[in-house]
Structure formats: C-alpha cells, structure tokens
Amino acid sequence: MAAPEWTFEQFNFVAGRRGAVVEDDFYNKLGRLIVQAGKKDKVPAAHVQRIREAHGTVMRSYYQQIHTISKFWTRVVSGWG
C-alpha cells in the first residue's frame, strides 16, 4: 500500500494600513483552516495586537536612528567630533 500523498495550501493573513484587517477575508481563511468557532473572535484580536506591537517597534527604531544620526552629525559639523 502506497503512502498517502501530501497536499498543501498557503493562506496569507495580510495586515492593512495601521493594523487594519479585512475581516471578511480573515474569517474566510480561518474557516478554511477549520478553526474552532469559539476561537474565531480571539484570533483576529491577537493578530491585530501583534501588528501594532511590530509597528511600534519599527517606529521606535526609526525615531532612535533619526535622532542618533542627527546628534552625531551635529557634533561633527560643530567640531565636537
């Protein structure tokens, strides 16, 4: 007897602008993954929370880079180097 063949599908859960999620698309994909009904409302909330955390990390990093570079060049230009 031959081993059963494997099949796979890829579902991309994409975040929109500012952490927004297209709910219909999100819930359709959860349904295709056979997520339990009681967990279907918890998953999008956790997903959006992770998106917001990642966005916050990016913004803090950007802010830090901009201000660190700015301070460095201010010192170089003014001769503190």
PDB file of N, CA and C in Angstrom:
ATOM      1  N   MET A   1       0.835  -1.180   0.000  1.00  0.00           N
ATOM      2  CA  MET A   1       0.000   0.000   0.000  1.00  0.00           C
ATOM      3  C   MET A   1       0.883   1.248   0.000  1.00  0.00           C
ATOM      4  N   ALA A   2       0.596   2.173  -0.875  1.00  0.00           N
ATOM      5  CA  ALA A   2       1.389   3.398  -1.014  1.00  0.00           C
ATOM      6  C   ALA A   2       1.025   4.395   0.087  1.00  0.00           C
ATOM      7  N   ALA A   3       2.007   5.173   0.444  1.00  0.00           N
ATOM      8  CA  ALA A   3       1.776   6.222   1.438  1.00  0.00           C
ATOM      9  C   ALA A   3       0.849   7.290   0.858  1.00  0.00           C
ATOM     10  N   PRO A   4       0.005   7.878   1.688  1.00  0.00           N
ATOM     11  CA  PRO A   4      -0.886   8.923   1.176  1.00  0.00           C
ATOM     12  C   PRO A   4      -0.079  10.139   0.715  1.00  0.00           C
ATOM     13  N   GLU A   5      -0.567  10.786  -0.309  1.00  0.00           N
ATOM     14  CA  GLU A   5       0.113  11.980  -0.816  1.00  0.00           C
ATOM     15  C   GLU A   5      -0.238  13.181   0.048  1.00  0.00           C
ATOM     16  N   TRP A   6       0.724  14.054   0.173  1.00  0.00           N
ATOM     17  CA  TRP A   6       0.509  15.281   0.932  1.00  0.00           C
ATOM     18  C   TRP A   6       0.092  16.391  -0.027  1.00  0.00           C
ATOM     19  N   THR A   7      -0.804  17.194   0.409  1.00  0.00           N
ATOM     20  CA  THR A   7      -1.162  18.403  -0.330  1.00  0.00           C
ATOM     21  C   THR A   7      -1.093  19.568   0.648  1.00  0.00           C
ATOM     22  N   PHE A   8      -0.892  20.731   0.115  1.00  0.00           N
ATOM     23  CA  PHE A   8      -0.841  21.892   0.990  1.00  0.00           C
ATOM     24  C   PHE A   8      -1.409  23.103   0.262  1.00  0.00           C
ATOM     25  N   GLU A   9      -1.839  24.056   1.053  1.00  0.00           N
ATOM     26  CA  GLU A   9      -2.314  25.334   0.567  1.00  0.00           C
ATOM     27  C   GLU A   9      -1.702  26.407   1.441  1.00  0.00           C
ATOM     28  N   GLN A  10      -1.458  27.542   0.868  1.00  0.00           N
ATOM     29  CA  GLN A  10      -0.905  28.652   1.630  1.00  0.00           C
ATOM     30  C   GLN A  10      -1.991  29.703   1.820  1.00  0.00           C
ATOM     31  N   PHE A  11      -2.158  30.139   3.050  1.00  0.00           N
ATOM     32  CA  PHE A  11      -3.099  31.210   3.369  1.00  0.00           C
ATOM     33  C   PHE A  11      -2.301  32.383   3.911  1.00  0.00           C
ATOM     34  N   ASN A  12      -2.359  33.494   3.252  1.00  0.00           N
ATOM     35  CA  ASN A  12      -1.657  34.690   3.710  1.00  0.00           C
ATOM     36  C   ASN A  12      -2.620  35.588   4.462  1.00  0.00           C
ATOM     37  N   PHE A  13      -2.318  35.839   5.718  1.00  0.00           N
ATOM     38  CA  PHE A  13      -3.102  36.758   6.531  1.00  0.00           C
ATOM     39  C   PHE A  13      -2.392  38.099   6.469  1.00  0.00           C
ATOM     40  N   VAL A  14      -2.965  39.012   5.730  1.00  0.00           N
ATOM     41  CA  VAL A  14      -2.303  40.275   5.443  1.00  0.00           C
ATOM     42  C   VAL A  14      -2.899  41.394   6.292  1.00  0.00           C
ATOM     43  N   ALA A  15      -2.019  42.209   6.822  1.00  0.00           N
ATOM     44  CA  ALA A  15      -2.463  43.376   7.585  1.00  0.00           C
ATOM     45  C   ALA A  15      -2.602  44.548   6.637  1.00  0.00           C
ATOM     46  N   GLY A  16      -3.591  45.354   6.889  1.00  0.00           N
ATOM     47  CA  GLY A  16      -3.780  46.556   6.091  1.00  0.00           C
ATOM     48  C   GLY A  16      -3.059  47.722   6.727  1.00  0.00           C
ATOM     49  N   ARG A  17      -3.498  48.892   6.395  1.00  0.00           N
ATOM     50  CA  ARG A  17      -2.881  50.092   6.953  1.00  0.00           C
ATOM     51  C   ARG A  17      -3.209  50.259   8.425  1.00  0.00           C
ATOM     52  N   ARG A  18      -2.220  50.677   9.167  1.00  0.00           N
ATOM     53  CA  ARG A  18      -2.374  50.978  10.606  1.00  0.00           C
ATOM     54  C   ARG A  18      -2.989  49.826  11.392  1.00  0.00           C
ATOM     55  N   GLY A  19      -2.643  48.599  11.036  1.00  0.00           N
ATOM     56  CA  GLY A  19      -3.108  47.446  11.786  1.00  0.00           C
ATOM     57  C   GLY A  19      -4.494  46.978  11.418  1.00  0.00           C
ATOM     58  N   ALA A  20      -5.098  47.580  10.396  1.00  0.00           N
ATOM     59  CA  ALA A  20      -6.444  47.179   9.990  1.00  0.00           C
ATOM     60  C   ALA A  20      -6.402  45.795   9.344  1.00  0.00           C
ATOM     61  N   VAL A  21      -7.454  45.038   9.535  1.00  0.00           N
ATOM     62  CA  VAL A  21      -7.566  43.712   8.954  1.00  0.00           C
ATOM     63  C   VAL A  21      -8.898  43.649   8.223  1.00  0.00           C
ATOM     64  N   VAL A  22      -8.892  43.120   6.999  1.00  0.00           N
ATOM     65  CA  VAL A  22     -10.135  42.940   6.258  1.00  0.00           C
ATOM     66  C   VAL A  22     -10.829  41.721   6.870  1.00  0.00           C
ATOM     67  N   GLU A  23     -11.870  41.973   7.649  1.00  0.00           N
ATOM     68  CA  GLU A  23     -12.490  40.923   8.459  1.00  0.00           C
ATOM     69  C   GLU A  23     -13.064  39.781   7.640  1.00  0.00           C
ATOM     70  N   ASP A  24     -13.766  40.082   6.562  1.00  0.00           N
ATOM     71  CA  ASP A  24     -14.367  39.010   5.755  1.00  0.00           C
ATOM     72  C   ASP A  24     -13.299  38.044   5.261  1.00  0.00           C
ATOM     73  N   ASP A  25     -12.230  38.605   4.730  1.00  0.00           N
ATOM     74  CA  ASP A  25     -11.134  37.778   4.215  1.00  0.00           C
ATOM     75  C   ASP A  25     -10.506  36.971   5.345  1.00  0.00           C
ATOM     76  N   PHE A  26     -10.290  37.623   6.480  1.00  0.00           N
ATOM     77  CA  PHE A  26      -9.665  36.970   7.629  1.00  0.00           C
ATOM     78  C   PHE A  26     -10.504  35.786   8.105  1.00  0.00           C
ATOM     79  N   TYR A  27     -11.813  36.017   8.285  1.00  0.00           N
ATOM     80  CA  TYR A  27     -12.703  34.958   8.766  1.00  0.00           C
ATOM     81  C   TYR A  27     -12.859  33.830   7.742  1.00  0.00           C
ATOM     82  N   ASN A  28     -12.856  34.165   6.460  1.00  0.00           N
ATOM     83  CA  ASN A  28     -12.911  33.113   5.434  1.00  0.00           C
ATOM     84  C   ASN A  28     -11.686  32.198   5.521  1.00  0.00           C
ATOM     85  N   LYS A  29     -10.524  32.794   5.716  1.00  0.00           N
ATOM     86  CA  LYS A  29      -9.300  31.992   5.828  1.00  0.00           C
ATOM     87  C   LYS A  29      -9.302  31.162   7.109  1.00  0.00           C
ATOM     88  N   LEU A  30      -9.793  31.728   8.192  1.00  0.00           N
ATOM     89  CA  LEU A  30      -9.886  30.948   9.423  1.00  0.00           C
ATOM     90  C   LEU A  30     -10.821  29.760   9.224  1.00  0.00           C
ATOM     91  N   GLY A  31     -11.916  29.975   8.509  1.00  0.00           N
ATOM     92  CA  GLY A  31     -12.855  28.890   8.226  1.00  0.00           C
ATOM     93  C   GLY A  31     -12.208  27.788   7.411  1.00  0.00           C
ATOM     94  N   ARG A  32     -11.373  28.167   6.459  1.00  0.00           N
ATOM     95  CA  ARG A  32     -10.684  27.168   5.636  1.00  0.00           C
ATOM     96  C   ARG A  32      -9.645  26.395   6.436  1.00  0.00           C
ATOM     97  N   LEU A  33      -9.159  27.003   7.506  1.00  0.00           N
ATOM     98  CA  LEU A  33      -8.206  26.323   8.384  1.00  0.00           C
ATOM     99  C   LEU A  33      -8.903  25.490   9.463  1.00  0.00           C
ATOM    100  N   ILE A  34     -10.210  25.522   9.465  1.00  0.00           N
ATOM    101  CA  ILE A  34     -11.043  24.774  10.409  1.00  0.00           C
ATOM    102  C   ILE A  34     -10.716  25.166  11.858  1.00  0.00           C
ATOM    103  N   VAL A  35     -10.745  26.467  12.107  1.00  0.00           N
ATOM    104  CA  VAL A  35     -10.534  26.984  13.455  1.00  0.00           C
ATOM    105  C   VAL A  35     -11.840  26.846  14.225  1.00  0.00           C
ATOM    106  N   GLN A  36     -11.746  26.441  15.466  1.00  0.00           N
ATOM    107  CA  GLN A  36     -12.933  26.260  16.297  1.00  0.00           C
ATOM    108  C   GLN A  36     -13.709  27.570  16.417  1.00  0.00           C
ATOM    109  N   ALA A  37     -15.034  27.455  16.411  1.00  0.00           N
ATOM    110  CA  ALA A  37     -15.898  28.637  16.431  1.00  0.00           C
ATOM    111  C   ALA A  37     -15.605  29.549  17.618  1.00  0.00           C
ATOM    112  N   GLY A  38     -15.343  28.991  18.776  1.00  0.00           N
ATOM    113  CA  GLY A  38     -15.076  29.792  19.964  1.00  0.00           C
ATOM    114  C   GLY A  38     -13.784  30.589  19.896  1.00  0.00           C
ATOM    115  N   LYS A  39     -12.878  30.196  19.034  1.00  0.00           N
ATOM    116  CA  LYS A  39     -11.586  30.874  18.922  1.00  0.00           C
ATOM    117  C   LYS A  39     -11.536  31.859  17.760  1.00  0.00           C
ATOM    118  N   LYS A  40     -12.553  31.841  16.917  1.00  0.00           N
ATOM    119  CA  LYS A  40     -12.523  32.691  15.723  1.00  0.00           C
ATOM    120  C   LYS A  40     -12.495  34.177  16.046  1.00  0.00           C
ATOM    121  N   ASP A  41     -13.065  34.582  17.167  1.00  0.00           N
ATOM    122  CA  ASP A  41     -13.039  36.004  17.519  1.00  0.00           C
ATOM    123  C   ASP A  41     -11.761  36.390  18.253  1.00  0.00           C
ATOM    124  N   LYS A  42     -11.095  35.448  18.880  1.00  0.00           N
ATOM    125  CA  LYS A  42      -9.867  35.741  19.611  1.00  0.00           C
ATOM    126  C   LYS A  42      -8.670  35.876  18.671  1.00  0.00           C
ATOM    127  N   VAL A  43      -8.665  35.111  17.597  1.00  0.00           N
ATOM    128  CA  VAL A  43      -7.521  35.105  16.687  1.00  0.00           C
ATOM    129  C   VAL A  43      -7.307  36.467  16.026  1.00  0.00           C
ATOM    130  N   PRO A  44      -8.348  37.100  15.449  1.00  0.00           N
ATOM    131  CA  PRO A  44      -8.104  38.419  14.834  1.00  0.00           C
ATOM    132  C   PRO A  44      -7.618  39.462  15.833  1.00  0.00           C
ATOM    133  N   ALA A  45      -8.139  39.442  17.051  1.00  0.00           N
ATOM    134  CA  ALA A  45      -7.699  40.406  18.063  1.00  0.00           C
ATOM    135  C   ALA A  45      -6.217  40.217  18.382  1.00  0.00           C
ATOM    136  N   ALA A  46      -5.789  38.977  18.510  1.00  0.00           N
ATOM    137  CA  ALA A  46      -4.376  38.701  18.783  1.00  0.00           C
ATOM    138  C   ALA A  46      -3.515  39.096  17.582  1.00  0.00           C
ATOM    139  N   HIS A  47      -4.023  38.856  16.388  1.00  0.00           N
ATOM    140  CA  HIS A  47      -3.302  39.204  15.155  1.00  0.00           C
ATOM    141  C   HIS A  47      -3.075  40.718  15.082  1.00  0.00           C
ATOM    142  N   VAL A  48      -4.122  41.474  15.328  1.00  0.00           N
ATOM    143  CA  VAL A  48      -4.019  42.933  15.274  1.00  0.00           C
ATOM    144  C   VAL A  48      -3.080  43.429  16.367  1.00  0.00           C
ATOM    145  N   GLN A  49      -3.133  42.828  17.537  1.00  0.00           N
ATOM    146  CA  GLN A  49      -2.228  43.225  18.628  1.00  0.00           C
ATOM    147  C   GLN A  49      -0.776  43.019  18.217  1.00  0.00           C
ATOM    148  N   ARG A  50      -0.463  41.907  17.571  1.00  0.00           N
ATOM    149  CA  ARG A  50       0.917  41.648  17.126  1.00  0.00           C
ATOM    150  C   ARG A  50       1.341  42.653  16.056  1.00  0.00           C
ATOM    151  N   ILE A  51       0.409  43.008  15.182  1.00  0.00           N
ATOM    152  CA  ILE A  51       0.712  44.002  14.145  1.00  0.00           C
ATOM    153  C   ILE A  51       1.047  45.333  14.798  1.00  0.00           C
ATOM    154  N   ARG A  52       0.272  45.730  15.780  1.00  0.00           N
ATOM    155  CA  ARG A  52       0.520  47.002  16.469  1.00  0.00           C
ATOM    156  C   ARG A  52       1.839  46.979  17.210  1.00  0.00           C
ATOM    157  N   GLU A  53       2.177  45.864  17.820  1.00  0.00           N
ATOM    158  CA  GLU A  53       3.467  45.749  18.515  1.00  0.00           C
ATOM    159  C   GLU A  53       4.619  45.882  17.526  1.00  0.00           C
ATOM    160  N   ALA A  54       4.501  45.219  16.382  1.00  0.00           N
ATOM    161  CA  ALA A  54       5.549  45.299  15.363  1.00  0.00           C
ATOM    162  C   ALA A  54       5.668  46.719  14.831  1.00  0.00           C
ATOM    163  N   HIS A  55       4.548  47.370  14.614  1.00  0.00           N
ATOM    164  CA  HIS A  55       4.562  48.753  14.134  1.00  0.00           C
ATOM    165  C   HIS A  55       5.231  49.661  15.158  1.00  0.00           C
ATOM    166  N   GLY A  56       4.929  49.460  16.424  1.00  0.00           N
ATOM    167  CA  GLY A  56       5.560  50.256  17.477  1.00  0.00           C
ATOM    168  C   GLY A  56       7.067  50.064  17.513  1.00  0.00           C
ATOM    169  N   THR A  57       7.508  48.836  17.319  1.00  0.00           N
ATOM    170  CA  THR A  57       8.941  48.544  17.287  1.00  0.00           C
ATOM    171  C   THR A  57       9.613  49.269  16.122  1.00  0.00           C
ATOM    172  N   VAL A  58       8.988  49.225  14.968  1.00  0.00           N
ATOM    173  CA  VAL A  58       9.536  49.904  13.785  1.00  0.00           C
ATOM    174  C   VAL A  58       9.618  51.408  14.023  1.00  0.00           C
ATOM    175  N   MET A  59       8.562  51.977  14.590  1.00  0.00           N
ATOM    176  CA  MET A  59       8.547  53.423  14.825  1.00  0.00           C
ATOM    177  C   MET A  59       9.599  53.836  15.857  1.00  0.00           C
ATOM    178  N   ARG A  60       9.756  53.044  16.923  1.00  0.00           N
ATOM    179  CA  ARG A  60      10.790  53.361  17.922  1.00  0.00           C
ATOM    180  C   ARG A  60      12.179  53.272  17.308  1.00  0.00           C
ATOM    181  N   SER A  61      12.404  52.266  16.487  1.00  0.00           N
ATOM    182  CA  SER A  61      13.699  52.107  15.832  1.00  0.00           C
ATOM    183  C   SER A  61      13.984  53.283  14.901  1.00  0.00           C
ATOM    184  N   TYR A  62      12.983  53.663  14.127  1.00  0.00           N
ATOM    185  CA  TYR A  62      13.135  54.800  13.210  1.00  0.00           C
ATOM    186  C   TYR A  62      13.471  56.068  13.996  1.00  0.00           C
ATOM    187  N   TYR A  63      12.700  56.339  15.048  1.00  0.00           N
ATOM    188  CA  TYR A  63      12.915  57.524  15.867  1.00  0.00           C
ATOM    189  C   TYR A  63      14.327  57.532  16.433  1.00  0.00           C
ATOM    190  N   GLN A  64      14.761  56.382  16.948  1.00  0.00           N
ATOM    191  CA  GLN A  64      16.090  56.289  17.539  1.00  0.00           C
ATOM    192  C   GLN A  64      17.177  56.541  16.497  1.00  0.00           C
ATOM    193  N   GLN A  65      17.010  55.960  15.319  1.00  0.00           N
ATOM    194  CA  GLN A  65      18.007  56.145  14.265  1.00  0.00           C
ATOM    195  C   GLN A  65      18.092  57.598  13.818  1.00  0.00           C
ATOM    196  N   ILE A  66      16.948  58.216  13.633  1.00  0.00           N
ATOM    197  CA  ILE A  66      16.922  59.599  13.184  1.00  0.00           C
ATOM    198  C   ILE A  66      17.587  60.517  14.202  1.00  0.00           C
ATOM    199  N   HIS A  67      17.278  60.330  15.464  1.00  0.00           N
ATOM    200  CA  HIS A  67      17.829  61.219  16.482  1.00  0.00           C
ATOM    201  C   HIS A  67      19.286  60.905  16.795  1.00  0.00           C
ATOM    202  N   THR A  68      19.698  59.672  16.701  1.00  0.00           N
ATOM    203  CA  THR A  68      21.106  59.322  16.922  1.00  0.00           C
ATOM    204  C   THR A  68      21.965  59.894  15.807  1.00  0.00           C
ATOM    205  N   ILE A  69      21.523  59.726  14.574  1.00  0.00           N
ATOM    206  CA  ILE A  69      22.267  60.254  13.429  1.00  0.00           C
ATOM    207  C   ILE A  69      22.309  61.778  13.490  1.00  0.00           C
ATOM    208  N   SER A  70      21.193  62.378  13.844  1.00  0.00           N
ATOM    209  CA  SER A  70      21.115  63.831  13.938  1.00  0.00           C
ATOM    210  C   SER A  70      22.107  64.366  14.962  1.00  0.00           C
ATOM    211  N   LYS A  71      22.176  63.742  16.143  1.00  0.00           N
ATOM    212  CA  LYS A  71      23.109  64.176  17.185  1.00  0.00           C
ATOM    213  C   LYS A  71      24.555  63.993  16.736  1.00  0.00           C
ATOM    214  N   PHE A  72      24.825  62.878  16.057  1.00  0.00           N
ATOM    215  CA  PHE A  72      26.178  62.606  15.575  1.00  0.00           C
ATOM    216  C   PHE A  72      26.627  63.693  14.606  1.00  0.00           C
ATOM    217  N   TRP A  73      25.790  63.996  13.611  1.00  0.00           N
ATOM    218  CA  TRP A  73      26.182  64.988  12.611  1.00  0.00           C
ATOM    219  C   TRP A  73      26.240  66.392  13.194  1.00  0.00           C
ATOM    220  N   THR A  74      25.432  66.673  14.177  1.00  0.00           N
ATOM    221  CA  THR A  74      25.504  67.982  14.839  1.00  0.00           C
ATOM    222  C   THR A  74      26.870  68.135  15.495  1.00  0.00           C
ATOM    223  N   ARG A  75      27.346  67.095  16.138  1.00  0.00           N
ATOM    224  CA  ARG A  75      28.661  67.133  16.779  1.00  0.00           C
ATOM    225  C   ARG A  75      29.779  67.234  15.747  1.00  0.00           C
ATOM    226  N   VAL A  76      29.674  66.499  14.663  1.00  0.00           N
ATOM    227  CA  VAL A  76      30.710  66.517  13.623  1.00  0.00           C
ATOM    228  C   VAL A  76      30.796  67.906  13.003  1.00  0.00           C
ATOM    229  N   VAL A  77      29.645  68.462  12.642  1.00  0.00           N
ATOM    230  CA  VAL A  77      29.615  69.767  11.982  1.00  0.00           C
ATOM    231  C   VAL A  77      30.105  70.869  12.912  1.00  0.00           C
ATOM    232  N   SER A  78      29.789  70.778  14.179  1.00  0.00           N
ATOM    233  CA  SER A  78      30.184  71.840  15.110  1.00  0.00           C
ATOM    234  C   SER A  78      31.593  71.635  15.669  1.00  0.00           C
ATOM    235  N   GLY A  79      32.258  70.542  15.265  1.00  0.00           N
ATOM    236  CA  GLY A  79      33.640  70.333  15.677  1.00  0.00           C
ATOM    237  C   GLY A  79      33.824  69.541  16.957  1.00  0.00           C
ATOM    238  N   TRP A  80      32.746  68.940  17.495  1.00  0.00           N
ATOM    239  CA  TRP A  80      32.888  68.157  18.711  1.00  0.00           C
ATOM    240  C   TRP A  80      33.447  66.788  18.409  1.00  0.00           C
ATOM    241  N   GLY A  81      33.300  66.343  17.155  1.00  0.00           N
ATOM    242  CA  GLY A  81      33.645  65.073  16.595  1.00  0.00           C
ATOM    243  C   GLY A  81      34.279  64.075  17.396  1.00  0.00           C
TER     244      GLY A  81
END
